[in-house]
């Protein structure tokens, strides 16, 4: 198991309950939930990856069990990892999902442009 499948199921169910259209993509050794063709949230090993935006990131990093997402050795702006202890209570997990969904309309898409045919 490369990522916590129970956490992925919980995230999936919250998105379904909120009637959010999403796609799932396996990436970065985990599972990513895409909303409007943008990375919104995901599961990496036992942690939730949350794209909450730079402003919310500053506040979130003050909380216990939250750290900047740093795949390349340097933190990525607007992304945090949330340790499992911060996700045990359904309301806490739902609040993180909502923070991701709230930022999603403001997020830039990293969708690759199609190459023109020659």
C-alpha atoms as a PDB file:
ATOM      1  CA  UNK A   1       0.000   0.000   0.000  1.00  0.00           C
ATOM      2  CA  UNK A   2       1.708   3.176  -1.196  1.00  0.00           C
ATOM      3  CA  UNK A   3      -0.870   5.423   0.473  1.00  0.00           C
ATOM      4  CA  UNK A   4      -3.520   5.183   3.167  1.00  0.00           C
ATOM      5  CA  UNK A   5      -6.515   3.793   1.293  1.00  0.00           C
ATOM      6  CA  UNK A   6      -8.883   4.411   4.214  1.00  0.00           C
ATOM      7  CA  UNK A   7      -7.998   8.117   4.164  1.00  0.00           C
ATOM      8  CA  UNK A   8      -8.504   8.147   0.386  1.00  0.00           C
ATOM      9  CA  UNK A   9     -11.943   6.557   0.872  1.00  0.00           C
ATOM     10  CA  UNK A  10     -12.853   9.181   3.475  1.00  0.00           C
ATOM     11  CA  UNK A  11     -11.780  12.030   1.183  1.00  0.00           C
ATOM     12  CA  UNK A  12     -13.666  10.479  -1.724  1.00  0.00           C
ATOM     13  CA  UNK A  13     -16.841  10.187   0.358  1.00  0.00           C
ATOM     14  CA  UNK A  14     -16.657  13.813   1.523  1.00  0.00           C
ATOM     15  CA  UNK A  15     -16.281  14.988  -2.074  1.00  0.00           C
ATOM     16  CA  UNK A  16     -19.234  12.828  -3.141  1.00  0.00           C
ATOM     17  CA  UNK A  17     -21.337  14.127  -0.235  1.00  0.00           C
ATOM     18  CA  UNK A  18     -20.494  17.706  -1.251  1.00  0.00           C
ATOM     19  CA  UNK A  19     -21.486  16.867  -4.849  1.00  0.00           C
ATOM     20  CA  UNK A  20     -18.046  17.838  -6.185  1.00  0.00           C
ATOM     21  CA  UNK A  21     -16.929  16.622  -9.611  1.00  0.00           C
ATOM     22  CA  UNK A  22     -13.423  15.216  -9.256  1.00  0.00           C
ATOM     23  CA  UNK A  23     -10.923  12.909 -10.875  1.00  0.00           C
ATOM     24  CA  UNK A  24      -8.419  10.687  -9.125  1.00  0.00           C
ATOM     25  CA  UNK A  25      -4.851  10.381 -10.356  1.00  0.00           C
ATOM     26  CA  UNK A  26      -2.059   8.313  -8.942  1.00  0.00           C
ATOM     27  CA  UNK A  27       0.971  10.558  -8.654  1.00  0.00           C
ATOM     28  CA  UNK A  28       3.863  11.354  -6.342  1.00  0.00           C
ATOM     29  CA  UNK A  29       3.629   7.890  -4.832  1.00  0.00           C
ATOM     30  CA  UNK A  30       0.104   8.588  -3.671  1.00  0.00           C
ATOM     31  CA  UNK A  31      -3.349   9.537  -4.849  1.00  0.00           C
ATOM     32  CA  UNK A  32      -4.345  13.012  -5.968  1.00  0.00           C
ATOM     33  CA  UNK A  33      -7.880  14.372  -6.216  1.00  0.00           C
ATOM     34  CA  UNK A  34      -8.260  16.805  -9.099  1.00  0.00           C
ATOM     35  CA  UNK A  35     -11.069  19.369  -9.096  1.00  0.00           C
ATOM     36  CA  UNK A  36     -11.564  21.502 -12.231  1.00  0.00           C
ATOM     37  CA  UNK A  37      -8.386  19.965 -13.705  1.00  0.00           C
ATOM     38  CA  UNK A  38      -6.351  21.281 -10.743  1.00  0.00           C
ATOM     39  CA  UNK A  39      -4.595  19.407  -7.971  1.00  0.00           C
ATOM     40  CA  UNK A  40      -6.822  19.983  -4.965  1.00  0.00           C
ATOM     41  CA  UNK A  41      -5.907  17.420  -2.298  1.00  0.00           C
ATOM     42  CA  UNK A  42      -4.455  13.985  -1.964  1.00  0.00           C
ATOM     43  CA  UNK A  43      -2.967  11.222   0.130  1.00  0.00           C
ATOM     44  CA  UNK A  44       0.762  10.559   0.350  1.00  0.00           C
ATOM     45  CA  UNK A  45       1.662   7.609   2.561  1.00  0.00           C
ATOM     46  CA  UNK A  46      -0.287   8.270   5.767  1.00  0.00           C
ATOM     47  CA  UNK A  47      -0.711  12.036   5.363  1.00  0.00           C
ATOM     48  CA  UNK A  48      -3.190  14.265   3.602  1.00  0.00           C
ATOM     49  CA  UNK A  49      -1.776  16.696   1.073  1.00  0.00           C
ATOM     50  CA  UNK A  50      -3.868  19.868   1.004  1.00  0.00           C
ATOM     51  CA  UNK A  51      -3.667  22.723  -1.498  1.00  0.00           C
ATOM     52  CA  UNK A  52      -5.015  25.575   0.596  1.00  0.00           C
ATOM     53  CA  UNK A  53      -3.176  28.597  -0.825  1.00  0.00           C
ATOM     54  CA  UNK A  54      -0.306  30.709   0.498  1.00  0.00           C
ATOM     55  CA  UNK A  55      -2.381  32.809   2.913  1.00  0.00           C
ATOM     56  CA  UNK A  56      -4.046  29.834   4.588  1.00  0.00           C
ATOM     57  CA  UNK A  57      -0.716  27.986   4.603  1.00  0.00           C
ATOM     58  CA  UNK A  58       0.838  30.532   6.954  1.00  0.00           C
ATOM     59  CA  UNK A  59      -1.945  30.075   9.491  1.00  0.00           C
ATOM     60  CA  UNK A  60      -2.018  26.288   9.086  1.00  0.00           C
ATOM     61  CA  UNK A  61       1.725  25.935   9.726  1.00  0.00           C
ATOM     62  CA  UNK A  62       1.195  27.368  13.211  1.00  0.00           C
ATOM     63  CA  UNK A  63      -0.860  24.289  14.114  1.00  0.00           C
ATOM     64  CA  UNK A  64       0.550  21.051  15.469  1.00  0.00           C
ATOM     65  CA  UNK A  65       0.884  18.221  12.943  1.00  0.00           C
ATOM     66  CA  UNK A  66       1.005  20.488   9.887  1.00  0.00           C
ATOM     67  CA  UNK A  67       4.095  20.950   7.748  1.00  0.00           C
ATOM     68  CA  UNK A  68       4.869  22.478   4.394  1.00  0.00           C
ATOM     69  CA  UNK A  69       4.791  20.113   1.431  1.00  0.00           C
ATOM     70  CA  UNK A  70       8.387  19.633   0.364  1.00  0.00           C
ATOM     71  CA  UNK A  71       8.878  16.925  -2.245  1.00  0.00           C
ATOM     72  CA  UNK A  72      11.929  18.548  -3.792  1.00  0.00           C
ATOM     73  CA  UNK A  73      13.579  19.595  -0.551  1.00  0.00           C
ATOM     74  CA  UNK A  74      12.062  23.065  -0.623  1.00  0.00           C
ATOM     75  CA  UNK A  75       8.528  23.935   0.467  1.00  0.00           C
ATOM     76  CA  UNK A  76       5.816  24.390  -2.149  1.00  0.00           C
ATOM     77  CA  UNK A  77       3.747  27.549  -1.706  1.00  0.00           C
ATOM     78  CA  UNK A  78       0.161  26.930  -0.726  1.00  0.00           C
ATOM     79  CA  UNK A  79       0.494  23.199   0.004  1.00  0.00           C
ATOM     80  CA  UNK A  80       0.662  21.449   3.381  1.00  0.00           C
ATOM     81  CA  UNK A  81       0.877  17.918   4.717  1.00  0.00           C
ATOM     82  CA  UNK A  82      -1.447  17.027   7.586  1.00  0.00           C
ATOM     83  CA  UNK A  83      -0.415  14.203   9.896  1.00  0.00           C
ATOM     84  CA  UNK A  84      -2.964  11.428  10.589  1.00  0.00           C
ATOM     85  CA  UNK A  85      -3.666  12.691  14.129  1.00  0.00           C
ATOM     86  CA  UNK A  86      -5.144  15.875  12.644  1.00  0.00           C
ATOM     87  CA  UNK A  87      -7.544  13.865  10.492  1.00  0.00           C
ATOM     88  CA  UNK A  88      -8.999  11.362  12.955  1.00  0.00           C
ATOM     89  CA  UNK A  89     -12.159  13.367  13.608  1.00  0.00           C
ATOM     90  CA  UNK A  90     -14.487  13.539  10.596  1.00  0.00           C
ATOM     91  CA  UNK A  91     -15.235  17.248  11.171  1.00  0.00           C
ATOM     92  CA  UNK A  92     -11.508  18.061  11.086  1.00  0.00           C
ATOM     93  CA  UNK A  93     -11.051  16.168   7.829  1.00  0.00           C
ATOM     94  CA  UNK A  94     -14.125  17.817   6.348  1.00  0.00           C
ATOM     95  CA  UNK A  95     -12.778  21.253   7.319  1.00  0.00           C
ATOM     96  CA  UNK A  96      -9.486  20.550   5.514  1.00  0.00           C
ATOM     97  CA  UNK A  97     -11.373  19.358   2.437  1.00  0.00           C
ATOM     98  CA  UNK A  98     -13.441  22.547   2.498  1.00  0.00           C
ATOM     99  CA  UNK A  99     -10.277  24.666   2.779  1.00  0.00           C
ATOM    100  CA  UNK A 100      -8.965  22.943  -0.352  1.00  0.00           C
ATOM    101  CA  UNK A 101     -12.240  23.451  -2.197  1.00  0.00           C
ATOM    102  CA  UNK A 102     -12.381  27.108  -1.144  1.00  0.00           C
ATOM    103  CA  UNK A 103      -8.939  27.762  -2.627  1.00  0.00           C
ATOM    104  CA  UNK A 104      -9.493  25.703  -5.781  1.00  0.00           C
ATOM    105  CA  UNK A 105     -11.217  28.441  -7.855  1.00  0.00           C
ATOM    106  CA  UNK A 106      -8.229  30.732  -7.162  1.00  0.00           C
ATOM    107  CA  UNK A 107      -5.602  28.104  -7.990  1.00  0.00           C
ATOM    108  CA  UNK A 108      -3.811  28.108 -11.301  1.00  0.00           C
ATOM    109  CA  UNK A 109      -4.122  25.008 -13.409  1.00  0.00           C
ATOM    110  CA  UNK A 110      -0.911  23.225 -14.277  1.00  0.00           C
ATOM    111  CA  UNK A 111      -2.644  21.552 -17.190  1.00  0.00           C
ATOM    112  CA  UNK A 112      -0.198  21.037 -20.019  1.00  0.00           C
ATOM    113  CA  UNK A 113      -0.902  22.731 -23.322  1.00  0.00           C
ATOM    114  CA  UNK A 114      -1.443  20.508 -26.322  1.00  0.00           C
ATOM    115  CA  UNK A 115       1.210  20.694 -28.989  1.00  0.00           C
ATOM    116  CA  UNK A 116       0.063  21.958 -32.352  1.00  0.00           C
ATOM    117  CA  UNK A 117       0.095  19.404 -35.150  1.00  0.00           C
ATOM    118  CA  UNK A 118       2.564  20.041 -37.927  1.00  0.00           C
END
